[in-house]
C-alpha cells in the first residue's frame, strides 16, 4: 500500500508540475503578439506531434512494423474523421474510442 501511495503522489506532483509549466506560458505570454509566420509554423506542431506518436506506436524498437489490423483500422478512421471534421482532437477522440472498442471485441 505504501508503494501505491508513493506512486500516486508522484503522479499527482508530476501532473501539477506539468500543468504549472503549461499555464505559465499562457500567463507569461498573454500580452505578446507573435508574427504571422510564427503562427503559421505553430499550426503544424499538433499534426507533426501526432504523426510522431503514430509512427512510434506502429513500430518496434528496431524500426520493424508491429501494428496489426486493429491499429491500421484505427489509424484510417482517425485520418478520415480528422480530414472530415478538420479537427485533430475530434479525430483523436474517435480513434481512441474505436481502438478500445475493437480491442475489447477482438481480445
Foldseek 3Di string as FASTA:
>chain_A
DVVVVVVVVVVVVVVVVVVVVVVCCCVVCVPPDDDPVVVVVVVCPVVVVVVVVLQPVQADPVSHGDDDPLSVVLVVQLVVVCVVVVDNVVSVVVSVVSSVVVVVVVD
